[in-house]
C-alpha atoms as a PDB file:
ATOM      1  CA  MET A   1     -13.548 -68.854  77.424  1.00  0.00           C
ATOM      2  CA  LYS A   2     -11.109 -67.441  74.929  1.00  0.00           C
ATOM      3  CA  ARG A   3      -9.606 -69.813  72.339  1.00  0.00           C
ATOM      4  CA  LYS A   4      -6.004 -69.394  71.156  1.00  0.00           C
ATOM      5  CA  ASN A   5      -4.778 -71.348  68.105  1.00  0.00           C
ATOM      6  CA  ILE A   6      -1.039 -72.023  67.943  1.00  0.00           C
ATOM      7  CA  SER A   7       0.263 -72.107  64.374  1.00  0.00           C
ATOM      8  CA  SER A   8       2.988 -74.363  63.048  1.00  0.00           C
ATOM      9  CA  GLU A   9       2.849 -72.603  59.668  1.00  0.00           C
ATOM     10  CA  SER A  10       2.057 -75.947  58.054  1.00  0.00           C
ATOM     11  CA  LEU A  11       0.257 -75.785  54.725  1.00  0.00           C
ATOM     12  CA  TRP A  12      -2.340 -78.138  56.237  1.00  0.00           C
ATOM     13  CA  GLU A  13      -3.610 -75.426  58.571  1.00  0.00           C
ATOM     14  CA  ASP A  14      -5.470 -73.498  55.879  1.00  0.00           C
ATOM     15  CA  LYS A  15      -6.528 -76.613  53.960  1.00  0.00           C
ATOM     16  CA  VAL A  16      -8.086 -78.632  56.803  1.00  0.00           C
ATOM     17  CA  GLY A  17      -8.371 -76.297  59.792  1.00  0.00           C
ATOM     18  CA  TYR A  18      -5.325 -77.771  61.541  1.00  0.00           C
ATOM     19  CA  SER A  19      -3.444 -76.129  64.424  1.00  0.00           C
ATOM     20  CA  ARG A  20      -0.248 -77.327  66.155  1.00  0.00           C
ATOM     21  CA  ALA A  21      -1.966 -76.603  69.479  1.00  0.00           C
ATOM     22  CA  VAL A  22      -5.110 -75.008  70.878  1.00  0.00           C
ATOM     23  CA  ARG A  23      -5.492 -73.358  74.262  1.00  0.00           C
ATOM     24  CA  ILE A  24      -8.878 -72.770  75.869  1.00  0.00           C
ATOM     25  CA  GLY A  25      -8.672 -71.495  79.447  1.00  0.00           C
ATOM     26  CA  ASN A  26      -6.032 -73.578  81.241  1.00  0.00           C
ATOM     27  CA  LEU A  27      -6.381 -76.536  78.820  1.00  0.00           C
ATOM     28  CA  ILE A  28      -3.785 -76.988  76.054  1.00  0.00           C
ATOM     29  CA  GLU A  29      -4.331 -79.650  73.397  1.00  0.00           C
ATOM     30  CA  ILE A  30      -1.378 -80.598  71.174  1.00  0.00           C
ATOM     31  CA  SER A  31      -2.111 -82.129  67.782  1.00  0.00           C
ATOM     32  CA  GLY A  32      -0.547 -85.302  66.447  1.00  0.00           C
ATOM     33  CA  THR A  33       3.128 -84.622  65.878  1.00  0.00           C
ATOM     34  CA  THR A  34       5.468 -86.189  63.345  1.00  0.00           C
ATOM     35  CA  ALA A  35       9.165 -85.887  62.569  1.00  0.00           C
ATOM     36  CA  SER A  36       8.669 -83.709  59.515  1.00  0.00           C
ATOM     37  CA  ASP A  37       9.560 -80.156  58.625  1.00  0.00           C
ATOM     38  CA  GLY A  38       7.732 -79.056  55.503  1.00  0.00           C
ATOM     39  CA  ASN A  39       8.465 -81.729  52.913  1.00  0.00           C
ATOM     40  CA  GLU A  40      11.502 -83.076  54.787  1.00  0.00           C
ATOM     41  CA  THR A  41      11.334 -86.157  57.038  1.00  0.00           C
ATOM     42  CA  ILE A  42      13.681 -85.837  60.013  1.00  0.00           C
ATOM     43  CA  GLY A  43      15.825 -88.786  61.167  1.00  0.00           C
ATOM     44  CA  ILE A  44      14.740 -91.395  58.631  1.00  0.00           C
ATOM     45  CA  GLY A  45      15.295 -94.801  60.248  1.00  0.00           C
ATOM     46  CA  GLY A  46      16.387 -93.274  63.549  1.00  0.00           C
ATOM     47  CA  VAL A  47      13.835 -93.314  66.344  1.00  0.00           C
ATOM     48  CA  TYR A  48      16.094 -91.264  68.668  1.00  0.00           C
ATOM     49  CA  ALA A  49      16.446 -88.381  66.188  1.00  0.00           C
ATOM     50  CA  GLN A  50      12.741 -88.466  65.381  1.00  0.00           C
ATOM     51  CA  THR A  51      11.695 -88.523  69.043  1.00  0.00           C
ATOM     52  CA  THR A  52      14.037 -85.652  69.919  1.00  0.00           C
ATOM     53  CA  TYR A  53      12.677 -83.587  67.039  1.00  0.00           C
ATOM     54  CA  ILE A  54       9.050 -84.327  67.991  1.00  0.00           C
ATOM     55  CA  LEU A  55       9.567 -83.495  71.677  1.00  0.00           C
ATOM     56  CA  ASN A  56      11.139 -80.182  70.693  1.00  0.00           C
ATOM     57  CA  LYS A  57       8.113 -79.408  68.480  1.00  0.00           C
ATOM     58  CA  ILE A  58       5.782 -80.203  71.387  1.00  0.00           C
ATOM     59  CA  LYS A  59       7.868 -78.077  73.776  1.00  0.00           C
ATOM     60  CA  SER A  60       7.745 -75.132  71.391  1.00  0.00           C
ATOM     61  CA  ALA A  61       3.960 -75.444  70.959  1.00  0.00           C
ATOM     62  CA  LEU A  62       3.418 -75.670  74.724  1.00  0.00           C
ATOM     63  CA  GLU A  63       5.573 -72.598  75.347  1.00  0.00           C
ATOM     64  CA  SER A  64       3.752 -70.665  72.597  1.00  0.00           C
ATOM     65  CA  ALA A  65       0.479 -71.520  74.358  1.00  0.00           C
ATOM     66  CA  GLY A  66       1.825 -70.410  77.754  1.00  0.00           C
ATOM     67  CA  GLY A  67       2.642 -73.894  79.074  1.00  0.00           C
ATOM     68  CA  ASN A  68       5.884 -75.774  79.647  1.00  0.00           C
ATOM     69  CA  LEU A  69       7.475 -79.189  80.023  1.00  0.00           C
ATOM     70  CA  SER A  70       8.148 -79.424  83.728  1.00  0.00           C
ATOM     71  CA  VAL A  71      10.109 -82.174  85.459  1.00  0.00           C
ATOM     72  CA  ARG A  72       7.215 -82.971  87.759  1.00  0.00           C
ATOM     73  CA  ARG A  73       4.087 -84.532  86.311  1.00  0.00           C
ATOM     74  CA  HIS A  74       1.384 -81.937  85.924  1.00  0.00           C
ATOM     75  CA  PRO A  75      -1.867 -83.050  87.590  1.00  0.00           C
ATOM     76  CA  ASN A  76      -3.852 -82.120  84.470  1.00  0.00           C
ATOM     77  CA  THR A  77      -1.787 -84.184  82.017  1.00  0.00           C
ATOM     78  CA  ASP A  78      -4.266 -86.329  80.147  1.00  0.00           C
ATOM     79  CA  ARG A  79      -2.302 -88.703  77.934  1.00  0.00           C
ATOM     80  CA  ALA A  80       0.578 -89.166  75.557  1.00  0.00           C
ATOM     81  CA  THR A  81       0.658 -91.824  72.868  1.00  0.00           C
ATOM     82  CA  THR A  82       3.798 -93.057  71.116  1.00  0.00           C
ATOM     83  CA  ASN A  83       3.747 -95.205  68.000  1.00  0.00           C
ATOM     84  CA  ILE A  84       6.779 -97.174  66.817  1.00  0.00           C
ATOM     85  CA  THR A  85       6.105 -98.530  63.349  1.00  0.00           C
ATOM     86  CA  THR A  86       9.173-100.780  63.162  1.00  0.00           C
ATOM     87  CA  ILE A  87      10.115-102.370  66.487  1.00  0.00           C
ATOM     88  CA  ASN A  88      13.634-103.059  65.192  1.00  0.00           C
ATOM     89  CA  ASN A  89      14.204 -99.276  65.227  1.00  0.00           C
ATOM     90  CA  SER A  90      13.314 -98.920  68.917  1.00  0.00           C
ATOM     91  CA  ASN A  91      16.957 -99.082  70.072  1.00  0.00           C
ATOM     92  CA  ASN A  92      18.438 -97.057  67.210  1.00  0.00           C
ATOM     93  CA  LYS A  93      19.989 -93.830  68.534  1.00  0.00           C
ATOM     94  CA  LYS A  94      21.102 -92.279  65.218  1.00  0.00           C
END
């Protein structure tokens, strides 16, 4: 099967062999995603802003790999993990 690497243009890609996403056949794997853009952290202290930014990064990577975020649950969805480092920020929408 053909492998397609999806670039995020992060400087880590060349240093450690990182890709935003990889597609092999009909399988798309998305790498760990953070609320950062280059050296800038997005939405410091605001879980809503960070989550929105991260989901948009994931959406872009999926679309670049030929996938999409559909409303219905895709039967091949494996897992999604969310980490909240400060529980007090879980209701913060700014």
